[in-house]
């Protein structure tokens, strides 16, 4: 008997319906299903408000499944990474590059995954730490965090599958940011922000900002400035054993965003360090595992919409 956790975005009725059908499908095959529903504005029984996934433990699960868009999938990432549980994404979103399974293919993919016949892809994730002034975001969402193995005791670190971004807080005004590689000063920017992306995240915000696309299995990360003013606008690709850091310079503060969610506000002289985290996120693949085709379809879908 397998234990499967389903995380569903209830704002998508079709996703909620499929989650219910999937729980029944699993029960008929003598598997155990646990359904979690993201519900930012409510605390109804069985729902998980947006900032409270930190209390969810996947250590007893054999598989975690997201039903929604990329955002729903990214909510599962830190939990699955910490528990070393494979994660499967079902696409109910607009682009869905991260999500390799369409709704009509879920049961077939589940059958293969539970039988041990599915291909599982190892994805690199980033570890993000902060030194200096950080004001936690509202709700103090700890579900983004790692398990404490990459930082000093008592420090917090965040897991990023796509990217971390240090960006401006004041509309119409740039923020001053100094970057470094392995502790050596690199370039200081006046810009909308600076991001560090993984190979998976290189197809997301990094691509929109003009950064390069990295093939999924390249052990690397890429640092890209966002709308820099009078400075080099090229990305820097780094090895997996290097560290990129971004320091907020006076006079304005900045905000740290991890995989699209605000982790906290950064005061001047706060430093954000980013490096490759130990281990991997294990992602169950769909029938089409070819990188170029998945990227082409995501780009085509985005252009069409």
C-alpha atoms as a PDB file:
ATOM      1  CA  UNK A   1       0.000   0.000   0.000  1.00  0.00           C
ATOM      2  CA  UNK A   2       1.311   3.437  -0.952  1.00  0.00           C
ATOM      3  CA  UNK A   3       0.661   6.763   0.784  1.00  0.00           C
ATOM      4  CA  UNK A   4      -0.007   9.569  -1.710  1.00  0.00           C
ATOM      5  CA  UNK A   5      -0.414  13.247  -0.772  1.00  0.00           C
ATOM      6  CA  UNK A   6      -2.433  15.422  -3.176  1.00  0.00           C
ATOM      7  CA  UNK A   7      -2.117  19.219  -3.032  1.00  0.00           C
ATOM      8  CA  UNK A   8      -4.881  20.939  -4.982  1.00  0.00           C
ATOM      9  CA  UNK A   9      -5.669  24.532  -5.838  1.00  0.00           C
ATOM     10  CA  UNK A  10      -9.426  24.734  -5.118  1.00  0.00           C
ATOM     11  CA  UNK A  11      -9.695  27.937  -7.152  1.00  0.00           C
ATOM     12  CA  UNK A  12      -9.618  25.580 -10.135  1.00  0.00           C
ATOM     13  CA  UNK A  13     -12.817  23.467  -9.913  1.00  0.00           C
ATOM     14  CA  UNK A  14     -11.511  20.988 -12.487  1.00  0.00           C
ATOM     15  CA  UNK A  15      -8.413  20.397 -10.357  1.00  0.00           C
ATOM     16  CA  UNK A  16     -10.502  19.902  -7.211  1.00  0.00           C
ATOM     17  CA  UNK A  17     -12.736  17.465  -9.066  1.00  0.00           C
ATOM     18  CA  UNK A  18      -9.784  15.440 -10.338  1.00  0.00           C
ATOM     19  CA  UNK A  19      -8.245  15.374  -6.843  1.00  0.00           C
ATOM     20  CA  UNK A  20     -11.451  13.804  -5.504  1.00  0.00           C
ATOM     21  CA  UNK A  21     -11.544  11.293  -8.346  1.00  0.00           C
ATOM     22  CA  UNK A  22      -7.876  10.471  -7.789  1.00  0.00           C
ATOM     23  CA  UNK A  23      -8.428   9.824  -4.080  1.00  0.00           C
ATOM     24  CA  UNK A  24     -11.214   7.380  -4.970  1.00  0.00           C
ATOM     25  CA  UNK A  25      -9.057   5.777  -7.674  1.00  0.00           C
ATOM     26  CA  UNK A  26      -6.271   5.226  -5.152  1.00  0.00           C
ATOM     27  CA  UNK A  27      -8.629   3.866  -2.483  1.00  0.00           C
ATOM     28  CA  UNK A  28     -10.029   1.295  -4.919  1.00  0.00           C
ATOM     29  CA  UNK A  29      -6.461   0.070  -5.405  1.00  0.00           C
ATOM     30  CA  UNK A  30      -5.878  -0.135  -1.645  1.00  0.00           C
ATOM     31  CA  UNK A  31      -3.641   2.918  -1.476  1.00  0.00           C
ATOM     32  CA  UNK A  32      -3.972   5.734   1.049  1.00  0.00           C
ATOM     33  CA  UNK A  33      -4.643   9.277  -0.188  1.00  0.00           C
ATOM     34  CA  UNK A  34      -4.405  12.543   1.736  1.00  0.00           C
ATOM     35  CA  UNK A  35      -5.871  15.617   0.048  1.00  0.00           C
ATOM     36  CA  UNK A  36      -4.622  19.096   1.000  1.00  0.00           C
ATOM     37  CA  UNK A  37      -6.311  22.195  -0.397  1.00  0.00           C
ATOM     38  CA  UNK A  38      -4.627  25.574  -0.591  1.00  0.00           C
ATOM     39  CA  UNK A  39      -7.036  28.146   0.782  1.00  0.00           C
ATOM     40  CA  UNK A  40      -5.310  31.486   1.443  1.00  0.00           C
ATOM     41  CA  UNK A  41      -8.352  33.295   2.778  1.00  0.00           C
ATOM     42  CA  UNK A  42     -10.053  30.586   4.792  1.00  0.00           C
ATOM     43  CA  UNK A  43      -9.421  28.079   7.519  1.00  0.00           C
ATOM     44  CA  UNK A  44     -12.111  25.537   6.746  1.00  0.00           C
ATOM     45  CA  UNK A  45     -11.507  22.020   7.964  1.00  0.00           C
ATOM     46  CA  UNK A  46      -9.195  20.123   5.620  1.00  0.00           C
ATOM     47  CA  UNK A  47      -7.845  23.317   4.051  1.00  0.00           C
ATOM     48  CA  UNK A  48      -4.309  24.658   4.388  1.00  0.00           C
ATOM     49  CA  UNK A  49      -3.978  28.461   4.407  1.00  0.00           C
ATOM     50  CA  UNK A  50      -1.210  29.745   2.184  1.00  0.00           C
ATOM     51  CA  UNK A  51       1.274  30.386   4.976  1.00  0.00           C
ATOM     52  CA  UNK A  52       0.688  27.178   6.917  1.00  0.00           C
ATOM     53  CA  UNK A  53       2.122  24.393   4.781  1.00  0.00           C
ATOM     54  CA  UNK A  54       5.130  24.526   7.097  1.00  0.00           C
ATOM     55  CA  UNK A  55       3.264  22.179   9.425  1.00  0.00           C
ATOM     56  CA  UNK A  56       2.754  19.518   6.746  1.00  0.00           C
ATOM     57  CA  UNK A  57       5.007  16.481   7.048  1.00  0.00           C
ATOM     58  CA  UNK A  58       5.565  14.320   3.970  1.00  0.00           C
ATOM     59  CA  UNK A  59       8.042  11.935   5.596  1.00  0.00           C
ATOM     60  CA  UNK A  60       5.522   9.068   5.529  1.00  0.00           C
ATOM     61  CA  UNK A  61       4.460   9.704   1.936  1.00  0.00           C
ATOM     62  CA  UNK A  62       5.584   7.662  -1.053  1.00  0.00           C
ATOM     63  CA  UNK A  63       4.526  10.267  -3.616  1.00  0.00           C
ATOM     64  CA  UNK A  64       3.344  13.895  -3.624  1.00  0.00           C
ATOM     65  CA  UNK A  65       1.075  15.191  -6.403  1.00  0.00           C
ATOM     66  CA  UNK A  66       0.169  18.799  -7.204  1.00  0.00           C
ATOM     67  CA  UNK A  67      -3.000  19.641  -9.133  1.00  0.00           C
ATOM     68  CA  UNK A  68      -3.013  23.265 -10.271  1.00  0.00           C
ATOM     69  CA  UNK A  69      -0.528  25.555 -11.953  1.00  0.00           C
ATOM     70  CA  UNK A  70       3.193  26.082 -11.481  1.00  0.00           C
ATOM     71  CA  UNK A  71       2.504  27.961  -8.245  1.00  0.00           C
ATOM     72  CA  UNK A  72       0.769  24.977  -6.665  1.00  0.00           C
ATOM     73  CA  UNK A  73       3.646  22.729  -7.703  1.00  0.00           C
ATOM     74  CA  UNK A  74       6.189  25.124  -6.203  1.00  0.00           C
ATOM     75  CA  UNK A  75       4.318  24.985  -2.883  1.00  0.00           C
ATOM     76  CA  UNK A  76       5.131  21.259  -2.697  1.00  0.00           C
ATOM     77  CA  UNK A  77       8.796  21.599  -3.613  1.00  0.00           C
ATOM     78  CA  UNK A  78      10.367  22.396  -0.186  1.00  0.00           C
ATOM     79  CA  UNK A  79       8.190  19.788   1.546  1.00  0.00           C
ATOM     80  CA  UNK A  80       9.039  17.068  -0.975  1.00  0.00           C
ATOM     81  CA  UNK A  81      12.724  18.036  -1.032  1.00  0.00           C
ATOM     82  CA  UNK A  82      13.015  17.815   2.758  1.00  0.00           C
ATOM     83  CA  UNK A  83      11.227  14.461   2.871  1.00  0.00           C
ATOM     84  CA  UNK A  84      13.035  13.086  -0.218  1.00  0.00           C
ATOM     85  CA  UNK A  85       9.648  12.236  -1.711  1.00  0.00           C
ATOM     86  CA  UNK A  86       9.101  12.179  -5.504  1.00  0.00           C
ATOM     87  CA  UNK A  87       6.716  14.865  -6.713  1.00  0.00           C
ATOM     88  CA  UNK A  88       4.398  14.767  -9.724  1.00  0.00           C
ATOM     89  CA  UNK A  89       2.863  17.902 -11.243  1.00  0.00           C
ATOM     90  CA  UNK A  90      -0.490  17.866 -13.061  1.00  0.00           C
ATOM     91  CA  UNK A  91      -0.980  20.863 -15.311  1.00  0.00           C
ATOM     92  CA  UNK A  92      -4.082  22.997 -14.785  1.00  0.00           C
ATOM     93  CA  UNK A  93      -2.185  26.232 -15.364  1.00  0.00           C
ATOM     94  CA  UNK A  94      -1.491  28.538 -18.292  1.00  0.00           C
ATOM     95  CA  UNK A  95       2.115  27.648 -19.094  1.00  0.00           C
ATOM     96  CA  UNK A  96       2.904  24.630 -16.965  1.00  0.00           C
ATOM     97  CA  UNK A  97       6.542  24.166 -17.953  1.00  0.00           C
ATOM     98  CA  UNK A  98       7.230  22.537 -14.589  1.00  0.00           C
ATOM     99  CA  UNK A  99       4.247  20.218 -14.945  1.00  0.00           C
ATOM    100  CA  UNK A 100       4.909  17.233 -17.131  1.00  0.00           C
ATOM    101  CA  UNK A 101       1.522  15.515 -16.855  1.00  0.00           C
ATOM    102  CA  UNK A 102      -1.764  16.689 -18.360  1.00  0.00           C
ATOM    103  CA  UNK A 103      -4.966  15.876 -16.429  1.00  0.00           C
ATOM    104  CA  UNK A 104      -6.040  13.131 -18.843  1.00  0.00           C
ATOM    105  CA  UNK A 105      -2.723  11.346 -18.317  1.00  0.00           C
ATOM    106  CA  UNK A 106      -2.705  11.358 -14.506  1.00  0.00           C
ATOM    107  CA  UNK A 107      -4.032   7.863 -13.831  1.00  0.00           C
ATOM    108  CA  UNK A 108      -1.666   6.259 -16.340  1.00  0.00           C
ATOM    109  CA  UNK A 109       1.300   8.102 -14.822  1.00  0.00           C
ATOM    110  CA  UNK A 110       0.201   7.216 -11.280  1.00  0.00           C
ATOM    111  CA  UNK A 111      -0.068   3.561 -12.288  1.00  0.00           C
ATOM    112  CA  UNK A 112       3.512   3.610 -13.553  1.00  0.00           C
ATOM    113  CA  UNK A 113       4.839   5.610 -10.596  1.00  0.00           C
ATOM    114  CA  UNK A 114       3.288   3.353  -7.968  1.00  0.00           C
ATOM    115  CA  UNK A 115       4.541   0.278  -9.814  1.00  0.00           C
ATOM    116  CA  UNK A 116       8.063   1.719  -9.882  1.00  0.00           C
ATOM    117  CA  UNK A 117       8.057   1.984 -13.679  1.00  0.00           C
ATOM    118  CA  UNK A 118       8.006   5.777 -14.042  1.00  0.00           C
ATOM    119  CA  UNK A 119      11.106   7.784 -14.876  1.00  0.00           C
ATOM    120  CA  UNK A 120      12.142  10.075 -12.022  1.00  0.00           C
ATOM    121  CA  UNK A 121      14.241  13.120 -12.899  1.00  0.00           C
ATOM    122  CA  UNK A 122      16.662  14.634 -10.382  1.00  0.00           C
ATOM    123  CA  UNK A 123      16.387  18.423 -10.316  1.00  0.00           C
ATOM    124  CA  UNK A 124      18.943  20.731  -8.732  1.00  0.00           C
ATOM    125  CA  UNK A 125      17.600  23.146  -6.096  1.00  0.00           C
ATOM    126  CA  UNK A 126      19.116  26.280  -4.597  1.00  0.00           C
ATOM    127  CA  UNK A 127      19.776  27.121  -0.961  1.00  0.00           C
ATOM    128  CA  UNK A 128      19.228  30.776  -0.022  1.00  0.00           C
ATOM    129  CA  UNK A 129      20.470  32.340   3.218  1.00  0.00           C
ATOM    130  CA  UNK A 130      20.419  35.914   4.561  1.00  0.00           C
ATOM    131  CA  UNK A 131      22.913  37.780   6.725  1.00  0.00           C
ATOM    132  CA  UNK A 132      21.856  41.137   8.159  1.00  0.00           C
ATOM    133  CA  UNK A 133      18.541  42.938   8.426  1.00  0.00           C
ATOM    134  CA  UNK A 134      15.601  40.782   7.309  1.00  0.00           C
ATOM    135  CA  UNK A 135      11.978  41.473   8.254  1.00  0.00           C
ATOM    136  CA  UNK A 136       9.956  38.318   7.751  1.00  0.00           C
ATOM    137  CA  UNK A 137       7.020  38.496   5.359  1.00  0.00           C
ATOM    138  CA  UNK A 138       3.489  38.621   6.736  1.00  0.00           C
ATOM    139  CA  UNK A 139       2.478  35.238   8.076  1.00  0.00           C
ATOM    140  CA  UNK A 140       6.115  34.128   8.478  1.00  0.00           C
ATOM    141  CA  UNK A 141       5.655  31.292   5.981  1.00  0.00           C
ATOM    142  CA  UNK A 142       8.212  28.643   6.975  1.00  0.00           C
ATOM    143  CA  UNK A 143       7.104  26.190   4.284  1.00  0.00           C
ATOM    144  CA  UNK A 144       9.768  27.619   1.964  1.00  0.00           C
ATOM    145  CA  UNK A 145      12.539  26.513   4.291  1.00  0.00           C
ATOM    146  CA  UNK A 146      15.117  23.762   4.056  1.00  0.00           C
ATOM    147  CA  UNK A 147      16.124  21.305   6.759  1.00  0.00           C
ATOM    148  CA  UNK A 148      19.078  23.169   8.268  1.00  0.00           C
ATOM    149  CA  UNK A 149      21.886  21.160   6.672  1.00  0.00           C
ATOM    150  CA  UNK A 150      23.499  24.003   4.713  1.00  0.00           C
ATOM    151  CA  UNK A 151      23.798  26.766   7.286  1.00  0.00           C
ATOM    152  CA  UNK A 152      24.898  27.413  10.839  1.00  0.00           C
ATOM    153  CA  UNK A 153      22.737  26.209  13.685  1.00  0.00           C
ATOM    154  CA  UNK A 154      19.843  28.581  14.281  1.00  0.00           C
ATOM    155  CA  UNK A 155      19.974  30.135  10.798  1.00  0.00           C
ATOM    156  CA  UNK A 156      17.099  29.899   8.357  1.00  0.00           C
ATOM    157  CA  UNK A 157      17.459  28.996   4.722  1.00  0.00           C
ATOM    158  CA  UNK A 158      15.024  28.809   1.865  1.00  0.00           C
ATOM    159  CA  UNK A 159      14.646  26.242  -0.907  1.00  0.00           C
ATOM    160  CA  UNK A 160      14.302  27.494  -4.490  1.00  0.00           C
ATOM    161  CA  UNK A 161      13.570  25.247  -7.450  1.00  0.00           C
ATOM    162  CA  UNK A 162      13.313  28.174  -9.895  1.00  0.00           C
ATOM    163  CA  UNK A 163      15.060  31.246  -8.548  1.00  0.00           C
ATOM    164  CA  UNK A 164      15.643  33.729  -5.783  1.00  0.00           C
ATOM    165  CA  UNK A 165      15.301  37.442  -6.598  1.00  0.00           C
ATOM    166  CA  UNK A 166      16.418  40.488  -4.652  1.00  0.00           C
ATOM    167  CA  UNK A 167      14.287  43.287  -6.053  1.00  0.00           C
ATOM    168  CA  UNK A 168      13.078  46.834  -5.515  1.00  0.00           C
ATOM    169  CA  UNK A 169      10.278  47.745  -3.130  1.00  0.00           C
ATOM    170  CA  UNK A 170       9.500  51.276  -4.332  1.00  0.00           C
ATOM    171  CA  UNK A 171       7.614  51.513  -7.667  1.00  0.00           C
ATOM    172  CA  UNK A 172       9.415  53.709 -10.183  1.00  0.00           C
ATOM    173  CA  UNK A 173      12.694  53.627  -8.253  1.00  0.00           C
ATOM    174  CA  UNK A 174      15.630  51.287  -8.720  1.00  0.00           C
ATOM    175  CA  UNK A 175      17.467  49.551  -5.913  1.00  0.00           C
ATOM    176  CA  UNK A 176      21.255  49.499  -5.521  1.00  0.00           C
ATOM    177  CA  UNK A 177      22.710  45.997  -5.330  1.00  0.00           C
ATOM    178  CA  UNK A 178      26.297  44.754  -5.110  1.00  0.00           C
ATOM    179  CA  UNK A 179      27.036  41.230  -6.348  1.00  0.00           C
ATOM    180  CA  UNK A 180      29.899  38.896  -5.528  1.00  0.00           C
ATOM    181  CA  UNK A 181      31.063  35.428  -6.544  1.00  0.00           C
ATOM    182  CA  UNK A 182      32.751  33.252  -3.927  1.00  0.00           C
ATOM    183  CA  UNK A 183      33.216  36.377  -1.821  1.00  0.00           C
ATOM    184  CA  UNK A 184      34.951  38.321  -4.584  1.00  0.00           C
ATOM    185  CA  UNK A 185      33.302  41.588  -5.666  1.00  0.00           C
ATOM    186  CA  UNK A 186      31.685  41.371  -9.106  1.00  0.00           C
ATOM    187  CA  UNK A 187      29.345  44.166 -10.345  1.00  0.00           C
ATOM    188  CA  UNK A 188      27.234  46.749  -8.523  1.00  0.00           C
ATOM    189  CA  UNK A 189      23.898  47.540 -10.125  1.00  0.00           C
ATOM    190  CA  UNK A 190      21.188  50.124  -9.992  1.00  0.00           C
ATOM    191  CA  UNK A 191      18.377  47.952 -11.278  1.00  0.00           C
ATOM    192  CA  UNK A 192      14.934  46.515 -10.678  1.00  0.00           C
ATOM    193  CA  UNK A 193      16.677  43.533  -9.116  1.00  0.00           C
ATOM    194  CA  UNK A 194      19.153  40.678  -9.410  1.00  0.00           C
ATOM    195  CA  UNK A 195      18.205  37.006  -9.534  1.00  0.00           C
ATOM    196  CA  UNK A 196      19.988  33.691  -9.239  1.00  0.00           C
ATOM    197  CA  UNK A 197      18.258  30.852 -11.082  1.00  0.00           C
ATOM    198  CA  UNK A 198      18.665  27.092 -11.292  1.00  0.00           C
ATOM    199  CA  UNK A 199      18.665  25.203 -14.614  1.00  0.00           C
ATOM    200  CA  UNK A 200      14.942  24.570 -14.093  1.00  0.00           C
ATOM    201  CA  UNK A 201      14.334  28.237 -13.297  1.00  0.00           C
ATOM    202  CA  UNK A 202      16.388  29.410 -16.250  1.00  0.00           C
ATOM    203  CA  UNK A 203      13.234  28.976 -18.355  1.00  0.00           C
ATOM    204  CA  UNK A 204      11.130  31.192 -16.068  1.00  0.00           C
ATOM    205  CA  UNK A 205      11.817  34.760 -14.855  1.00  0.00           C
ATOM    206  CA  UNK A 206      15.442  34.437 -15.944  1.00  0.00           C
ATOM    207  CA  UNK A 207      14.372  33.860 -19.550  1.00  0.00           C
ATOM    208  CA  UNK A 208      11.993  36.846 -19.414  1.00  0.00           C
ATOM    209  CA  UNK A 209      14.847  39.020 -18.155  1.00  0.00           C
ATOM    210  CA  UNK A 210      17.048  38.034 -21.100  1.00  0.00           C
ATOM    211  CA  UNK A 211      19.055  35.315 -19.364  1.00  0.00           C
ATOM    212  CA  UNK A 212      20.206  32.071 -21.015  1.00  0.00           C
ATOM    213  CA  UNK A 213      18.322  28.787 -20.887  1.00  0.00           C
ATOM    214  CA  UNK A 214      20.332  26.032 -19.194  1.00  0.00           C
ATOM    215  CA  UNK A 215      19.712  22.384 -20.040  1.00  0.00           C
ATOM    216  CA  UNK A 216      18.082  20.642 -17.035  1.00  0.00           C
ATOM    217  CA  UNK A 217      21.006  18.437 -16.014  1.00  0.00           C
ATOM    218  CA  UNK A 218      23.794  21.029 -16.205  1.00  0.00           C
ATOM    219  CA  UNK A 219      25.198  21.400 -12.655  1.00  0.00           C
ATOM    220  CA  UNK A 220      25.153  25.187 -12.644  1.00  0.00           C
ATOM    221  CA  UNK A 221      23.239  28.320 -11.720  1.00  0.00           C
ATOM    222  CA  UNK A 222      22.865  31.648 -13.498  1.00  0.00           C
ATOM    223  CA  UNK A 223      22.935  35.188 -12.056  1.00  0.00           C
ATOM    224  CA  UNK A 224      20.954  37.731 -14.097  1.00  0.00           C
ATOM    225  CA  UNK A 225      20.324  41.456 -13.470  1.00  0.00           C
ATOM    226  CA  UNK A 226      16.773  42.717 -14.026  1.00  0.00           C
ATOM    227  CA  UNK A 227      16.582  45.979 -16.033  1.00  0.00           C
ATOM    228  CA  UNK A 228      20.009  47.311 -14.966  1.00  0.00           C
ATOM    229  CA  UNK A 229      20.753  50.997 -15.534  1.00  0.00           C
ATOM    230  CA  UNK A 230      24.094  51.913 -17.124  1.00  0.00           C
ATOM    231  CA  UNK A 231      25.678  48.578 -16.231  1.00  0.00           C
ATOM    232  CA  UNK A 232      26.463  45.266 -17.875  1.00  0.00           C
ATOM    233  CA  UNK A 233      23.191  43.501 -18.626  1.00  0.00           C
ATOM    234  CA  UNK A 234      24.639  40.059 -19.312  1.00  0.00           C
ATOM    235  CA  UNK A 235      24.090  36.980 -17.167  1.00  0.00           C
ATOM    236  CA  UNK A 236      26.834  35.075 -15.415  1.00  0.00           C
ATOM    237  CA  UNK A 237      26.727  31.263 -15.420  1.00  0.00           C
ATOM    238  CA  UNK A 238      28.361  29.705 -12.355  1.00  0.00           C
ATOM    239  CA  UNK A 239      29.457  26.201 -11.425  1.00  0.00           C
ATOM    240  CA  UNK A 240      27.427  24.239  -8.915  1.00  0.00           C
ATOM    241  CA  UNK A 241      30.185  24.524  -6.301  1.00  0.00           C
ATOM    242  CA  UNK A 242      30.272  28.327  -6.397  1.00  0.00           C
ATOM    243  CA  UNK A 243      28.356  30.866  -4.329  1.00  0.00           C
ATOM    244  CA  UNK A 244      26.628  34.000  -5.623  1.00  0.00           C
ATOM    245  CA  UNK A 245      25.718  36.785  -3.223  1.00  0.00           C
ATOM    246  CA  UNK A 246      23.739  40.008  -3.458  1.00  0.00           C
ATOM    247  CA  UNK A 247      24.133  42.848  -0.939  1.00  0.00           C
ATOM    248  CA  UNK A 248      21.579  45.644  -0.619  1.00  0.00           C
ATOM    249  CA  UNK A 249      23.237  49.060  -0.768  1.00  0.00           C
ATOM    250  CA  UNK A 250      21.811  52.296   0.708  1.00  0.00           C
ATOM    251  CA  UNK A 251      19.576  54.166   0.600  1.00  0.00           C
ATOM    252  CA  UNK A 252      16.608  51.929  -0.285  1.00  0.00           C
ATOM    253  CA  UNK A 253      15.580  48.526   1.095  1.00  0.00           C
ATOM    254  CA  UNK A 254      14.799  45.522  -1.086  1.00  0.00           C
ATOM    255  CA  UNK A 255      12.640  42.422  -0.941  1.00  0.00           C
ATOM    256  CA  UNK A 256      13.677  38.771  -1.149  1.00  0.00           C
ATOM    257  CA  UNK A 257      11.420  36.666  -3.353  1.00  0.00           C
ATOM    258  CA  UNK A 258      11.866  32.893  -3.475  1.00  0.00           C
ATOM    259  CA  UNK A 259      10.063  30.968  -6.214  1.00  0.00           C
ATOM    260  CA  UNK A 260       7.557  33.778  -6.618  1.00  0.00           C
ATOM    261  CA  UNK A 261       6.763  34.251  -2.916  1.00  0.00           C
ATOM    262  CA  UNK A 262       8.032  37.002  -0.668  1.00  0.00           C
ATOM    263  CA  UNK A 263      10.337  35.675   2.048  1.00  0.00           C
ATOM    264  CA  UNK A 264      10.990  39.062   3.666  1.00  0.00           C
ATOM    265  CA  UNK A 265      12.144  42.677   3.409  1.00  0.00           C
ATOM    266  CA  UNK A 266      15.868  43.384   3.321  1.00  0.00           C
ATOM    267  CA  UNK A 267      17.440  46.456   4.913  1.00  0.00           C
ATOM    268  CA  UNK A 268      20.555  48.142   3.467  1.00  0.00           C
ATOM    269  CA  UNK A 269      23.703  46.029   3.983  1.00  0.00           C
ATOM    270  CA  UNK A 270      21.715  42.781   4.225  1.00  0.00           C
ATOM    271  CA  UNK A 271      23.402  40.055   2.157  1.00  0.00           C
ATOM    272  CA  UNK A 272      21.658  37.187   0.388  1.00  0.00           C
ATOM    273  CA  UNK A 273      23.822  34.171  -0.483  1.00  0.00           C
ATOM    274  CA  UNK A 274      22.785  31.512  -2.960  1.00  0.00           C
ATOM    275  CA  UNK A 275      24.371  28.153  -3.687  1.00  0.00           C
ATOM    276  CA  UNK A 276      23.350  24.701  -4.834  1.00  0.00           C
ATOM    277  CA  UNK A 277      21.697  22.708  -2.045  1.00  0.00           C
ATOM    278  CA  UNK A 278      22.784  19.148  -1.276  1.00  0.00           C
ATOM    279  CA  UNK A 279      20.690  16.370  -2.779  1.00  0.00           C
ATOM    280  CA  UNK A 280      17.985  16.677  -5.398  1.00  0.00           C
ATOM    281  CA  UNK A 281      14.308  17.247  -5.885  1.00  0.00           C
ATOM    282  CA  UNK A 282      12.920  14.059  -7.462  1.00  0.00           C
ATOM    283  CA  UNK A 283      10.304  14.777 -10.149  1.00  0.00           C
ATOM    284  CA  UNK A 284       8.162  12.099 -11.784  1.00  0.00           C
ATOM    285  CA  UNK A 285       8.297  12.523 -15.562  1.00  0.00           C
ATOM    286  CA  UNK A 286       5.432  12.307 -18.006  1.00  0.00           C
ATOM    287  CA  UNK A 287       5.581  10.362 -21.243  1.00  0.00           C
ATOM    288  CA  UNK A 288       7.392  13.207 -23.036  1.00  0.00           C
ATOM    289  CA  UNK A 289      10.686  13.760 -21.230  1.00  0.00           C
ATOM    290  CA  UNK A 290      12.496  15.673 -23.972  1.00  0.00           C
ATOM    291  CA  UNK A 291      13.622  19.085 -22.796  1.00  0.00           C
ATOM    292  CA  UNK A 292      13.469  20.993 -26.104  1.00  0.00           C
ATOM    293  CA  UNK A 293       9.931  19.856 -26.892  1.00  0.00           C
ATOM    294  CA  UNK A 294       8.629  20.752 -23.433  1.00  0.00           C
ATOM    295  CA  UNK A 295      10.215  24.189 -23.643  1.00  0.00           C
ATOM    296  CA  UNK A 296       8.894  24.780 -27.152  1.00  0.00           C
ATOM    297  CA  UNK A 297       5.342  23.878 -26.133  1.00  0.00           C
ATOM    298  CA  UNK A 298       5.480  26.119 -23.064  1.00  0.00           C
ATOM    299  CA  UNK A 299       6.748  29.062 -25.101  1.00  0.00           C
ATOM    300  CA  UNK A 300       4.178  28.443 -27.846  1.00  0.00           C
ATOM    301  CA  UNK A 301       1.379  28.222 -25.305  1.00  0.00           C
ATOM    302  CA  UNK A 302       2.508  31.454 -23.648  1.00  0.00           C
ATOM    303  CA  UNK A 303       2.664  33.324 -26.965  1.00  0.00           C
ATOM    304  CA  UNK A 304      -0.771  32.035 -27.980  1.00  0.00           C
ATOM    305  CA  UNK A 305      -2.308  33.316 -24.747  1.00  0.00           C
END
